[in-house]
């Protein structure tokens, strides 16, 4: 059985190609297990978008929100409304609860995101969602303009087929398992599904942490 090619491309080239196909207001979902490179990917892509527009002379509002900052959605909406600029980049980190998308809080949050272009009065809004994989994936995430999978196991494939084709998932599982120490990502945007080697030198944590000896006179 032929497999999709494992691509090793520069981050700048990859980000530029994805940005070319993203609508002016768009969502990027990055999902996977802990320490699999979710935040690394999201922040690097967001930094690229910010630098891209700032070089053109646009003003940029760039903000990172943690789960505890979402307790007051009215305050969040007010902040976004008054701090928004020509280009708005919002990163919502550790949103595992959003992928399950059932509670009133989740629905209110997703409603806020759906109205983001009206809140900011800008056509250019890039919203990043970072969360752990869940079997109960929100329809909102299934509709993301770009989805990045940073980890996979065989039992997850049946649910992930809502986000990717089965052939891509099985190819990704193959590469993910044979290169356990590398950042191998499956990315879907526009009509493309690509398996990317996104390894950053020295980025993987050690399996065993080195212990630091502490003591008087050392």
N, C-alpha and C. Protein backbone atom coordinates (compact mmCIF):
# COMPACT_ATOMS: atom_id res chain seq x y z
N UNK A 1 0.85 -1.20 0.00
CA UNK A 1 0.00 0.00 0.00
C UNK A 1 0.88 1.25 0.00
N UNK A 2 0.65 2.15 -0.94
CA UNK A 2 1.44 3.38 -1.00
C UNK A 2 1.00 4.32 0.11
N UNK A 3 1.96 5.07 0.60
CA UNK A 3 1.68 6.00 1.69
C UNK A 3 1.92 7.44 1.24
N UNK A 4 1.20 8.35 1.88
CA UNK A 4 1.43 9.76 1.61
C UNK A 4 2.86 10.11 1.99
N UNK A 5 3.44 11.01 1.24
CA UNK A 5 4.82 11.41 1.49
C UNK A 5 4.92 12.20 2.80
N UNK A 6 5.95 11.88 3.58
CA UNK A 6 6.24 12.65 4.78
C UNK A 6 7.05 13.86 4.35
N UNK A 7 6.50 15.04 4.52
CA UNK A 7 7.13 16.26 4.02
C UNK A 7 7.98 16.93 5.10
N UNK A 8 9.13 17.38 4.68
CA UNK A 8 9.98 18.21 5.54
C UNK A 8 10.12 19.56 4.86
N UNK A 9 9.33 20.52 5.30
CA UNK A 9 9.34 21.85 4.69
C UNK A 9 9.69 22.88 5.75
N UNK A 10 10.19 24.03 5.30
CA UNK A 10 10.50 25.08 6.26
C UNK A 10 9.21 25.60 6.86
N UNK A 11 9.29 26.06 8.10
CA UNK A 11 8.08 26.59 8.76
C UNK A 11 7.54 27.78 7.99
N UNK A 12 8.42 28.65 7.51
CA UNK A 12 7.96 29.84 6.78
C UNK A 12 7.20 29.45 5.52
N UNK A 13 7.72 28.48 4.78
CA UNK A 13 7.05 28.05 3.54
C UNK A 13 5.69 27.42 3.87
N UNK A 14 5.65 26.58 4.89
CA UNK A 14 4.39 25.95 5.28
C UNK A 14 3.37 26.98 5.71
N UNK A 15 3.76 27.89 6.59
CA UNK A 15 2.83 28.90 7.10
C UNK A 15 2.33 29.81 5.98
N UNK A 16 3.22 30.16 5.07
CA UNK A 16 2.82 31.03 3.97
C UNK A 16 1.78 30.34 3.09
N UNK A 17 1.96 29.05 2.84
CA UNK A 17 1.02 28.31 2.01
C UNK A 17 -0.34 28.18 2.69
N UNK A 18 -0.33 27.91 3.99
CA UNK A 18 -1.62 27.80 4.70
C UNK A 18 -2.32 29.15 4.73
N UNK A 19 -1.57 30.21 5.04
CA UNK A 19 -2.16 31.55 5.12
C UNK A 19 -2.79 31.96 3.79
N UNK A 20 -2.21 31.52 2.69
CA UNK A 20 -2.72 31.86 1.37
C UNK A 20 -4.16 31.37 1.19
N UNK A 21 -4.49 30.23 1.82
CA UNK A 21 -5.81 29.64 1.64
C UNK A 21 -6.79 29.96 2.76
N UNK A 22 -6.33 30.56 3.84
CA UNK A 22 -7.23 30.88 4.95
C UNK A 22 -8.09 32.09 4.59
N UNK A 23 -9.39 32.03 4.87
CA UNK A 23 -10.24 33.22 4.71
C UNK A 23 -9.76 34.33 5.65
N UNK A 24 -10.19 35.56 5.38
CA UNK A 24 -9.75 36.69 6.20
C UNK A 24 -10.10 36.48 7.66
N UNK A 25 -11.31 36.03 7.93
CA UNK A 25 -11.68 35.61 9.29
C UNK A 25 -11.73 34.09 9.29
N UNK A 26 -10.89 33.47 10.10
CA UNK A 26 -10.76 32.02 10.04
C UNK A 26 -10.37 31.45 11.39
N UNK A 27 -10.56 30.14 11.51
CA UNK A 27 -10.20 29.45 12.75
C UNK A 27 -9.18 28.36 12.44
N UNK A 28 -8.25 28.20 13.37
CA UNK A 28 -7.23 27.16 13.28
C UNK A 28 -7.32 26.33 14.56
N UNK A 29 -7.61 25.04 14.43
CA UNK A 29 -7.73 24.16 15.59
C UNK A 29 -6.51 23.26 15.66
N UNK A 30 -5.87 23.22 16.83
CA UNK A 30 -4.70 22.38 17.04
C UNK A 30 -5.03 21.43 18.18
N UNK A 31 -5.10 20.12 17.89
CA UNK A 31 -5.52 19.16 18.90
C UNK A 31 -4.53 18.00 18.99
N UNK A 32 -4.42 17.43 20.17
CA UNK A 32 -3.51 16.31 20.40
C UNK A 32 -3.28 16.13 21.89
N UNK A 33 -2.46 15.15 22.23
CA UNK A 33 -2.19 14.89 23.63
C UNK A 33 -1.19 15.89 24.19
N UNK A 34 -0.96 15.83 25.51
CA UNK A 34 -0.03 16.74 26.16
C UNK A 34 1.38 16.57 25.62
N UNK A 35 2.11 17.67 25.54
CA UNK A 35 3.52 17.70 25.14
C UNK A 35 3.74 17.13 23.75
N UNK A 36 2.78 17.36 22.87
CA UNK A 36 2.93 16.88 21.49
C UNK A 36 3.15 18.02 20.50
N UNK A 37 3.32 19.25 21.01
CA UNK A 37 3.65 20.38 20.14
C UNK A 37 2.50 21.27 19.75
N UNK A 38 1.37 21.18 20.45
CA UNK A 38 0.20 21.99 20.10
C UNK A 38 0.48 23.49 20.23
N UNK A 39 0.93 23.90 21.41
CA UNK A 39 1.18 25.32 21.65
C UNK A 39 2.34 25.81 20.79
N UNK A 40 3.33 24.97 20.59
CA UNK A 40 4.47 25.33 19.75
C UNK A 40 4.00 25.69 18.34
N UNK A 41 3.17 24.82 17.76
CA UNK A 41 2.69 25.08 16.40
C UNK A 41 1.85 26.36 16.37
N UNK A 42 0.89 26.47 17.29
CA UNK A 42 -0.04 27.61 17.26
C UNK A 42 0.69 28.94 17.42
N UNK A 43 1.60 29.02 18.38
CA UNK A 43 2.29 30.30 18.62
C UNK A 43 3.22 30.66 17.47
N UNK A 44 3.88 29.67 16.89
CA UNK A 44 4.77 29.97 15.77
C UNK A 44 3.99 30.43 14.55
N UNK A 45 2.85 29.80 14.29
CA UNK A 45 2.02 30.22 13.16
C UNK A 45 1.44 31.61 13.42
N UNK A 46 0.98 31.83 14.64
CA UNK A 46 0.44 33.15 14.99
C UNK A 46 1.51 34.23 14.88
N UNK A 47 2.72 33.93 15.31
CA UNK A 47 3.83 34.89 15.20
C UNK A 47 4.11 35.21 13.73
N UNK A 48 4.04 34.17 12.89
CA UNK A 48 4.26 34.39 11.46
C UNK A 48 3.20 35.33 10.88
N UNK A 49 1.93 35.10 11.25
CA UNK A 49 0.85 35.94 10.74
C UNK A 49 1.04 37.39 11.20
N UNK A 50 1.38 37.57 12.47
CA UNK A 50 1.61 38.93 13.00
C UNK A 50 2.73 39.62 12.23
N UNK A 51 3.86 38.94 12.06
CA UNK A 51 5.00 39.55 11.37
C UNK A 51 4.66 39.84 9.91
N UNK A 52 3.90 38.94 9.28
CA UNK A 52 3.53 39.12 7.88
C UNK A 52 2.75 40.42 7.68
N UNK A 53 1.79 40.68 8.54
CA UNK A 53 0.97 41.88 8.38
C UNK A 53 1.68 43.14 8.89
N UNK A 54 2.47 43.02 9.93
CA UNK A 54 3.18 44.19 10.42
C UNK A 54 4.19 44.70 9.39
N UNK A 55 4.77 43.79 8.61
CA UNK A 55 5.69 44.23 7.55
C UNK A 55 4.96 45.03 6.48
N UNK A 56 3.63 44.86 6.37
CA UNK A 56 2.84 45.62 5.41
C UNK A 56 2.31 46.92 6.00
N UNK A 57 2.64 47.17 7.27
CA UNK A 57 2.20 48.41 7.91
C UNK A 57 0.89 48.32 8.64
N UNK A 58 0.31 47.12 8.78
CA UNK A 58 -0.95 46.96 9.50
C UNK A 58 -0.71 46.91 11.01
N UNK A 59 -1.68 47.37 11.77
CA UNK A 59 -1.61 47.23 13.22
C UNK A 59 -2.22 45.88 13.61
N UNK A 60 -1.67 45.26 14.66
CA UNK A 60 -2.08 43.92 15.03
C UNK A 60 -2.41 43.85 16.52
N UNK A 61 -3.57 43.26 16.84
CA UNK A 61 -3.91 42.91 18.21
C UNK A 61 -3.66 41.43 18.37
N UNK A 62 -2.79 41.05 19.29
CA UNK A 62 -2.36 39.66 19.48
C UNK A 62 -2.57 39.33 20.95
N UNK A 63 -3.40 38.33 21.25
CA UNK A 63 -3.69 38.00 22.64
C UNK A 63 -3.78 36.50 22.82
N UNK A 64 -3.32 36.03 24.00
CA UNK A 64 -3.41 34.62 24.37
C UNK A 64 -4.32 34.51 25.58
N UNK A 65 -5.34 33.66 25.51
CA UNK A 65 -6.30 33.50 26.59
C UNK A 65 -6.25 32.08 27.14
N UNK A 66 -6.16 31.98 28.46
CA UNK A 66 -6.22 30.69 29.15
C UNK A 66 -7.66 30.43 29.59
N UNK A 67 -7.99 29.19 29.97
CA UNK A 67 -9.37 28.86 30.34
C UNK A 67 -9.96 29.74 31.44
N UNK A 68 -9.16 30.10 32.45
CA UNK A 68 -9.70 30.91 33.54
C UNK A 68 -10.06 32.33 33.10
N UNK A 69 -9.57 32.74 31.94
CA UNK A 69 -9.88 34.07 31.43
C UNK A 69 -11.21 34.08 30.68
N UNK A 70 -11.85 32.91 30.58
CA UNK A 70 -13.11 32.81 29.84
C UNK A 70 -14.32 32.78 30.77
N UNK A 71 -14.06 32.96 32.07
CA UNK A 71 -15.17 32.91 33.03
C UNK A 71 -16.12 34.09 32.86
N UNK A 72 -15.60 35.22 32.42
CA UNK A 72 -16.43 36.41 32.19
C UNK A 72 -16.40 36.73 30.70
N UNK A 73 -17.35 36.18 29.96
CA UNK A 73 -17.35 36.35 28.51
C UNK A 73 -17.69 37.78 28.11
N UNK A 74 -18.48 38.48 28.94
CA UNK A 74 -18.79 39.87 28.62
C UNK A 74 -17.54 40.73 28.69
N UNK A 75 -16.72 40.48 29.70
CA UNK A 75 -15.46 41.21 29.83
C UNK A 75 -14.53 40.87 28.68
N UNK A 76 -14.49 39.60 28.30
CA UNK A 76 -13.65 39.18 27.18
C UNK A 76 -14.09 39.87 25.90
N UNK A 77 -15.39 39.91 25.67
CA UNK A 77 -15.90 40.56 24.46
C UNK A 77 -15.56 42.04 24.45
N UNK A 78 -15.67 42.69 25.60
CA UNK A 78 -15.36 44.11 25.70
C UNK A 78 -13.87 44.36 25.38
N UNK A 79 -13.00 43.49 25.91
CA UNK A 79 -11.57 43.66 25.66
C UNK A 79 -11.26 43.52 24.18
N UNK A 80 -11.83 42.47 23.57
CA UNK A 80 -11.56 42.25 22.15
C UNK A 80 -12.09 43.42 21.32
N UNK A 81 -13.26 43.91 21.68
CA UNK A 81 -13.88 45.00 20.93
C UNK A 81 -13.02 46.26 20.95
N UNK A 82 -12.51 46.63 22.13
CA UNK A 82 -11.81 47.91 22.26
C UNK A 82 -10.31 47.83 21.97
N UNK A 83 -9.75 46.64 22.00
CA UNK A 83 -8.33 46.51 21.70
C UNK A 83 -8.06 46.02 20.28
N UNK A 84 -9.10 45.71 19.54
CA UNK A 84 -8.92 45.18 18.19
C UNK A 84 -8.27 46.21 17.27
N UNK A 85 -7.58 45.69 16.27
CA UNK A 85 -6.84 46.54 15.34
C UNK A 85 -7.15 46.10 13.90
N UNK A 86 -6.27 46.46 12.97
CA UNK A 86 -6.47 46.04 11.57
C UNK A 86 -6.51 44.52 11.46
N UNK A 87 -5.60 43.87 12.18
CA UNK A 87 -5.49 42.42 12.17
C UNK A 87 -5.62 41.94 13.61
N UNK A 88 -6.43 40.92 13.85
CA UNK A 88 -6.63 40.40 15.20
C UNK A 88 -6.27 38.92 15.24
N UNK A 89 -5.37 38.59 16.16
CA UNK A 89 -4.93 37.20 16.33
C UNK A 89 -5.21 36.80 17.77
N UNK A 90 -6.11 35.83 17.95
CA UNK A 90 -6.52 35.40 19.28
C UNK A 90 -6.20 33.93 19.45
N UNK A 91 -5.46 33.60 20.51
CA UNK A 91 -5.12 32.21 20.80
C UNK A 91 -5.84 31.79 22.08
N UNK A 92 -6.67 30.77 21.99
CA UNK A 92 -7.37 30.23 23.15
C UNK A 92 -6.72 28.89 23.50
N UNK A 93 -5.97 28.90 24.60
CA UNK A 93 -5.17 27.73 24.96
C UNK A 93 -5.92 26.80 25.89
N UNK A 94 -5.61 25.51 25.78
CA UNK A 94 -6.14 24.47 26.66
C UNK A 94 -7.67 24.46 26.70
N UNK A 95 -8.27 24.44 25.53
CA UNK A 95 -9.74 24.46 25.45
C UNK A 95 -10.31 23.06 25.28
N UNK A 96 -9.89 22.15 26.13
CA UNK A 96 -10.39 20.78 26.02
C UNK A 96 -11.89 20.72 26.17
N UNK A 97 -12.47 21.62 26.98
CA UNK A 97 -13.92 21.60 27.21
C UNK A 97 -14.68 22.01 25.95
N UNK A 98 -14.06 22.78 25.07
CA UNK A 98 -14.76 23.26 23.89
C UNK A 98 -15.02 22.13 22.91
N UNK A 99 -14.10 21.17 22.80
CA UNK A 99 -14.29 20.11 21.82
C UNK A 99 -15.51 19.25 22.14
N UNK A 100 -15.95 19.28 23.40
CA UNK A 100 -17.14 18.51 23.77
C UNK A 100 -18.42 19.32 23.58
N UNK A 101 -18.30 20.63 23.61
CA UNK A 101 -19.30 21.57 23.15
C UNK A 101 -20.75 21.37 23.55
N UNK A 102 -21.06 21.05 24.81
CA UNK A 102 -22.44 20.82 25.19
C UNK A 102 -22.99 21.84 26.18
N UNK A 103 -22.16 22.32 27.10
CA UNK A 103 -22.65 23.18 28.17
C UNK A 103 -23.04 24.56 27.65
N UNK A 104 -23.77 25.30 28.50
CA UNK A 104 -24.20 26.65 28.15
C UNK A 104 -22.99 27.57 28.00
N UNK A 105 -21.99 27.39 28.86
CA UNK A 105 -20.78 28.22 28.79
C UNK A 105 -20.09 28.02 27.44
N UNK A 106 -19.98 26.76 27.02
CA UNK A 106 -19.34 26.46 25.74
C UNK A 106 -20.12 27.08 24.59
N UNK A 107 -21.44 26.94 24.63
CA UNK A 107 -22.27 27.50 23.55
C UNK A 107 -22.15 29.02 23.50
N UNK A 108 -22.09 29.66 24.65
CA UNK A 108 -21.93 31.12 24.68
C UNK A 108 -20.57 31.54 24.14
N UNK A 109 -19.55 30.75 24.48
CA UNK A 109 -18.20 31.05 23.98
C UNK A 109 -18.15 30.90 22.46
N UNK A 110 -18.71 29.82 21.95
CA UNK A 110 -18.69 29.61 20.51
C UNK A 110 -19.53 30.65 19.78
N UNK A 111 -20.59 31.11 20.42
CA UNK A 111 -21.39 32.19 19.85
C UNK A 111 -20.58 33.48 19.74
N UNK A 112 -19.77 33.74 20.76
CA UNK A 112 -18.91 34.92 20.74
C UNK A 112 -17.92 34.83 19.58
N UNK A 113 -17.32 33.65 19.40
CA UNK A 113 -16.36 33.47 18.32
C UNK A 113 -17.03 33.62 16.95
N UNK A 114 -18.27 33.12 16.84
CA UNK A 114 -18.99 33.23 15.57
C UNK A 114 -19.28 34.68 15.21
N UNK A 115 -19.32 35.56 16.22
CA UNK A 115 -19.62 36.98 15.98
C UNK A 115 -18.35 37.83 15.94
N UNK A 116 -17.18 37.19 15.87
CA UNK A 116 -15.93 37.92 16.07
C UNK A 116 -15.72 39.05 15.07
N UNK A 117 -16.14 38.85 13.81
CA UNK A 117 -15.95 39.90 12.81
C UNK A 117 -16.77 41.14 13.14
N UNK A 118 -17.94 40.95 13.76
CA UNK A 118 -18.77 42.09 14.14
C UNK A 118 -18.22 42.74 15.40
N UNK A 119 -17.63 41.95 16.28
CA UNK A 119 -17.07 42.49 17.52
C UNK A 119 -15.85 43.35 17.22
N UNK A 120 -15.01 42.91 16.31
CA UNK A 120 -13.76 43.63 16.03
C UNK A 120 -13.92 44.69 14.95
N UNK A 121 -14.97 44.61 14.15
CA UNK A 121 -15.16 45.51 13.01
C UNK A 121 -13.99 45.42 12.04
N UNK A 122 -13.38 44.25 11.96
CA UNK A 122 -12.28 44.00 11.03
C UNK A 122 -12.58 42.74 10.25
N UNK A 123 -12.14 42.71 9.00
CA UNK A 123 -12.33 41.51 8.18
C UNK A 123 -11.25 40.48 8.45
N UNK A 124 -10.21 40.86 9.17
CA UNK A 124 -9.05 39.98 9.34
C UNK A 124 -8.92 39.53 10.80
N UNK A 125 -9.44 38.36 11.06
CA UNK A 125 -9.43 37.79 12.41
C UNK A 125 -8.98 36.33 12.32
N UNK A 126 -7.90 36.02 13.04
CA UNK A 126 -7.37 34.66 13.05
C UNK A 126 -7.50 34.11 14.47
N UNK A 127 -8.33 33.07 14.63
CA UNK A 127 -8.62 32.53 15.96
C UNK A 127 -8.04 31.12 16.06
N UNK A 128 -7.19 30.92 17.06
CA UNK A 128 -6.55 29.63 17.29
C UNK A 128 -7.20 28.94 18.49
N UNK A 129 -7.56 27.67 18.32
CA UNK A 129 -8.04 26.84 19.42
C UNK A 129 -6.99 25.75 19.69
N UNK A 130 -6.59 25.60 20.95
CA UNK A 130 -5.64 24.57 21.33
C UNK A 130 -6.31 23.68 22.37
N UNK A 131 -6.36 22.37 22.12
CA UNK A 131 -7.03 21.50 23.08
C UNK A 131 -6.61 20.06 22.92
N UNK A 132 -6.92 19.27 23.95
CA UNK A 132 -6.65 17.84 23.90
C UNK A 132 -7.68 17.15 23.02
N UNK A 133 -7.30 16.02 22.48
CA UNK A 133 -8.23 15.26 21.66
C UNK A 133 -9.38 14.72 22.52
N UNK A 134 -10.57 14.74 21.97
CA UNK A 134 -11.74 14.18 22.63
C UNK A 134 -12.58 13.42 21.60
N UNK A 135 -13.24 12.36 22.04
CA UNK A 135 -14.10 11.62 21.12
C UNK A 135 -15.35 12.41 20.75
N UNK A 136 -15.73 13.36 21.61
CA UNK A 136 -16.93 14.16 21.34
C UNK A 136 -16.52 15.50 20.75
N UNK A 137 -16.18 15.51 19.47
CA UNK A 137 -15.67 16.72 18.83
C UNK A 137 -16.81 17.65 18.46
N UNK A 138 -16.68 18.90 18.84
CA UNK A 138 -17.71 19.89 18.54
C UNK A 138 -17.83 20.11 17.03
N UNK A 139 -19.07 20.27 16.54
CA UNK A 139 -19.25 20.60 15.12
C UNK A 139 -18.52 21.88 14.73
N UNK A 140 -18.35 22.80 15.70
CA UNK A 140 -17.65 24.05 15.45
C UNK A 140 -16.21 23.77 15.03
N UNK A 141 -15.56 22.80 15.72
CA UNK A 141 -14.18 22.48 15.38
C UNK A 141 -14.09 21.73 14.06
N UNK A 142 -15.11 20.93 13.76
CA UNK A 142 -15.10 20.22 12.48
C UNK A 142 -15.14 21.19 11.32
N UNK A 143 -15.67 22.38 11.57
CA UNK A 143 -15.77 23.38 10.51
C UNK A 143 -14.57 24.32 10.47
N UNK A 144 -13.54 24.06 11.26
CA UNK A 144 -12.37 24.93 11.27
C UNK A 144 -11.73 24.99 9.89
N UNK A 145 -11.20 26.14 9.56
CA UNK A 145 -10.56 26.32 8.25
C UNK A 145 -9.24 25.57 8.15
N UNK A 146 -8.58 25.36 9.29
CA UNK A 146 -7.35 24.58 9.31
C UNK A 146 -7.34 23.75 10.59
N UNK A 147 -7.07 22.46 10.46
CA UNK A 147 -7.00 21.58 11.63
C UNK A 147 -5.63 20.91 11.65
N UNK A 148 -4.98 20.96 12.80
CA UNK A 148 -3.66 20.37 12.97
C UNK A 148 -3.75 19.29 14.04
N UNK A 149 -3.38 18.08 13.69
CA UNK A 149 -3.37 16.96 14.63
C UNK A 149 -1.92 16.69 15.02
N UNK A 150 -1.63 16.73 16.33
CA UNK A 150 -0.25 16.60 16.78
C UNK A 150 0.06 15.26 17.41
N UNK A 151 -0.92 14.37 17.50
CA UNK A 151 -0.69 13.03 18.02
C UNK A 151 -1.83 12.13 17.56
N UNK A 152 -1.60 10.82 17.62
CA UNK A 152 -2.64 9.89 17.21
C UNK A 152 -2.36 8.50 17.81
N UNK A 153 -3.43 7.77 18.06
CA UNK A 153 -3.33 6.36 18.42
C UNK A 153 -4.40 5.62 17.61
N UNK A 154 -4.25 4.32 17.48
CA UNK A 154 -5.18 3.56 16.63
C UNK A 154 -6.64 3.69 17.08
N UNK A 155 -6.97 3.61 18.39
CA UNK A 155 -8.38 3.71 18.80
C UNK A 155 -9.03 5.05 18.46
N UNK A 156 -8.24 6.09 18.24
CA UNK A 156 -8.81 7.40 17.96
C UNK A 156 -9.27 7.58 16.52
N UNK A 157 -8.82 6.72 15.64
CA UNK A 157 -9.08 6.91 14.21
C UNK A 157 -10.57 6.97 13.89
N UNK A 158 -11.37 6.13 14.54
CA UNK A 158 -12.80 6.09 14.22
C UNK A 158 -13.48 7.43 14.43
N UNK A 159 -13.03 8.19 15.44
CA UNK A 159 -13.63 9.51 15.68
C UNK A 159 -12.96 10.59 14.84
N UNK A 160 -11.67 10.45 14.63
CA UNK A 160 -10.95 11.48 13.87
C UNK A 160 -11.31 11.49 12.40
N UNK A 161 -11.98 10.44 11.93
CA UNK A 161 -12.38 10.43 10.52
C UNK A 161 -13.43 11.51 10.23
N UNK A 162 -13.96 12.13 11.29
CA UNK A 162 -14.83 13.30 11.11
C UNK A 162 -14.02 14.51 10.64
N UNK A 163 -12.70 14.48 10.89
CA UNK A 163 -11.85 15.62 10.60
C UNK A 163 -10.93 15.38 9.41
N UNK A 164 -10.54 14.11 9.18
CA UNK A 164 -9.59 13.78 8.13
C UNK A 164 -10.07 12.53 7.39
N UNK A 165 -9.49 12.28 6.22
CA UNK A 165 -9.80 11.04 5.51
C UNK A 165 -9.10 9.88 6.21
N UNK A 166 -9.66 8.68 6.06
CA UNK A 166 -9.09 7.51 6.69
C UNK A 166 -7.68 7.22 6.17
N UNK A 167 -7.46 7.41 4.89
CA UNK A 167 -6.14 7.13 4.33
C UNK A 167 -5.09 8.03 4.96
N UNK A 168 -5.41 9.30 5.14
CA UNK A 168 -4.46 10.23 5.77
C UNK A 168 -4.21 9.85 7.22
N UNK A 169 -5.25 9.44 7.92
CA UNK A 169 -5.10 9.07 9.33
C UNK A 169 -4.21 7.84 9.49
N UNK A 170 -4.40 6.84 8.66
CA UNK A 170 -3.58 5.64 8.77
C UNK A 170 -2.14 5.91 8.34
N UNK A 171 -1.95 6.76 7.34
CA UNK A 171 -0.59 7.14 6.96
C UNK A 171 0.08 7.91 8.09
N UNK A 172 -0.70 8.80 8.71
CA UNK A 172 -0.15 9.59 9.82
C UNK A 172 0.21 8.69 10.99
N UNK A 173 -0.65 7.73 11.29
CA UNK A 173 -0.38 6.79 12.38
C UNK A 173 0.93 6.05 12.11
N UNK A 174 1.16 5.66 10.89
CA UNK A 174 2.39 4.95 10.51
C UNK A 174 3.62 5.81 10.81
N UNK A 175 3.63 7.04 10.33
CA UNK A 175 4.79 7.90 10.54
C UNK A 175 4.94 8.30 12.01
N UNK A 176 3.80 8.53 12.65
CA UNK A 176 3.85 8.95 14.06
C UNK A 176 4.46 7.85 14.92
N UNK A 177 4.18 6.60 14.60
CA UNK A 177 4.70 5.48 15.40
C UNK A 177 6.16 5.16 15.09
N UNK A 178 6.59 5.33 13.85
CA UNK A 178 7.98 4.99 13.53
C UNK A 178 8.95 6.12 13.86
N UNK A 179 8.43 7.32 14.09
CA UNK A 179 9.28 8.45 14.50
C UNK A 179 8.76 9.02 15.82
N UNK A 180 8.84 8.28 16.90
CA UNK A 180 8.24 8.71 18.17
C UNK A 180 8.91 9.93 18.80
N UNK A 181 10.12 10.26 18.39
CA UNK A 181 10.83 11.38 19.00
C UNK A 181 10.78 12.64 18.15
N UNK A 182 9.97 12.60 17.11
CA UNK A 182 9.88 13.77 16.23
C UNK A 182 8.46 14.36 16.28
N UNK A 183 8.36 15.62 15.92
CA UNK A 183 7.06 16.27 15.82
C UNK A 183 6.51 16.01 14.42
N UNK A 184 5.64 15.01 14.30
CA UNK A 184 5.00 14.69 13.03
C UNK A 184 3.54 15.12 13.12
N UNK A 185 3.12 16.05 12.26
CA UNK A 185 1.78 16.61 12.33
C UNK A 185 0.99 16.26 11.07
N UNK A 186 -0.31 16.06 11.25
CA UNK A 186 -1.25 15.93 10.13
C UNK A 186 -2.03 17.23 10.05
N UNK A 187 -1.99 17.86 8.89
CA UNK A 187 -2.59 19.19 8.73
C UNK A 187 -3.61 19.16 7.60
N UNK A 188 -4.80 19.70 7.87
CA UNK A 188 -5.83 19.83 6.84
C UNK A 188 -6.18 21.30 6.67
N UNK A 189 -6.10 21.78 5.44
CA UNK A 189 -6.54 23.15 5.12
C UNK A 189 -6.95 23.18 3.66
N UNK A 190 -7.95 24.00 3.34
CA UNK A 190 -8.50 24.07 1.99
C UNK A 190 -8.85 22.65 1.55
N UNK A 191 -8.27 22.18 0.46
CA UNK A 191 -8.54 20.81 0.00
C UNK A 191 -7.35 19.89 0.28
N UNK A 192 -6.41 20.35 1.06
CA UNK A 192 -5.16 19.61 1.26
C UNK A 192 -5.11 18.91 2.62
N UNK A 193 -4.54 17.72 2.61
CA UNK A 193 -4.17 17.03 3.84
C UNK A 193 -2.69 16.66 3.70
N UNK A 194 -1.88 17.13 4.64
CA UNK A 194 -0.43 16.94 4.52
C UNK A 194 0.13 16.41 5.83
N UNK A 195 1.11 15.52 5.71
CA UNK A 195 1.81 15.00 6.89
C UNK A 195 3.19 15.66 6.91
N UNK A 196 3.43 16.44 7.95
CA UNK A 196 4.60 17.31 8.00
C UNK A 196 5.53 16.90 9.14
N UNK A 197 6.82 16.84 8.84
CA UNK A 197 7.83 16.67 9.89
C UNK A 197 8.18 18.08 10.39
N UNK A 198 7.68 18.40 11.56
CA UNK A 198 7.81 19.76 12.11
C UNK A 198 8.80 19.79 13.27
N UNK A 199 9.72 18.84 13.28
CA UNK A 199 10.63 18.70 14.41
C UNK A 199 11.48 19.94 14.59
N UNK A 200 11.56 20.38 15.84
CA UNK A 200 12.42 21.50 16.22
C UNK A 200 13.55 20.94 17.06
N UNK A 201 14.76 21.21 16.68
CA UNK A 201 15.91 20.63 17.36
C UNK A 201 15.86 20.91 18.85
N UNK A 202 15.93 19.84 19.63
CA UNK A 202 15.97 20.00 21.08
C UNK A 202 14.64 20.27 21.73
N UNK A 203 13.53 20.22 20.95
CA UNK A 203 12.23 20.59 21.51
C UNK A 203 11.59 19.48 22.32
N UNK A 204 11.90 18.22 21.99
CA UNK A 204 11.29 17.12 22.73
C UNK A 204 11.84 17.06 24.16
N UNK A 205 10.96 16.92 25.15
CA UNK A 205 11.44 16.80 26.53
C UNK A 205 12.17 15.48 26.75
N UNK A 206 13.13 15.48 27.67
CA UNK A 206 13.82 14.24 28.01
C UNK A 206 12.83 13.28 28.68
N UNK A 207 13.04 11.98 28.49
CA UNK A 207 12.17 11.01 29.13
C UNK A 207 12.35 11.04 30.64
N UNK A 208 13.58 11.25 31.07
CA UNK A 208 13.86 11.36 32.50
C UNK A 208 14.51 12.71 32.76
N UNK A 209 13.93 13.45 33.66
CA UNK A 209 14.48 14.76 33.95
C UNK A 209 15.78 14.63 34.74
N UNK A 210 16.74 15.46 34.37
CA UNK A 210 17.99 15.47 35.12
C UNK A 210 17.76 16.12 36.48
N UNK A 211 18.24 15.47 37.51
CA UNK A 211 18.06 16.01 38.85
C UNK A 211 19.19 16.97 39.19
N UNK A 212 18.82 18.09 39.77
CA UNK A 212 19.81 19.07 40.17
C UNK A 212 20.14 18.85 41.65
N UNK A 213 21.40 18.68 41.94
CA UNK A 213 21.81 18.48 43.33
C UNK A 213 21.88 19.82 44.05
N UNK A 214 21.19 19.88 45.16
CA UNK A 214 21.18 21.09 45.96
C UNK A 214 21.80 20.80 47.31
N UNK A 215 22.60 21.72 47.80
CA UNK A 215 23.18 21.51 49.14
C UNK A 215 24.17 22.61 49.47
N UNK A 216 24.46 22.77 50.73
CA UNK A 216 25.39 23.80 51.19
C UNK A 216 26.80 23.40 50.79
N UNK A 217 27.52 24.37 50.23
CA UNK A 217 28.91 24.14 49.89
C UNK A 217 29.13 23.48 48.55
N UNK A 218 28.03 23.21 47.78
CA UNK A 218 28.20 22.60 46.47
C UNK A 218 28.46 23.67 45.41
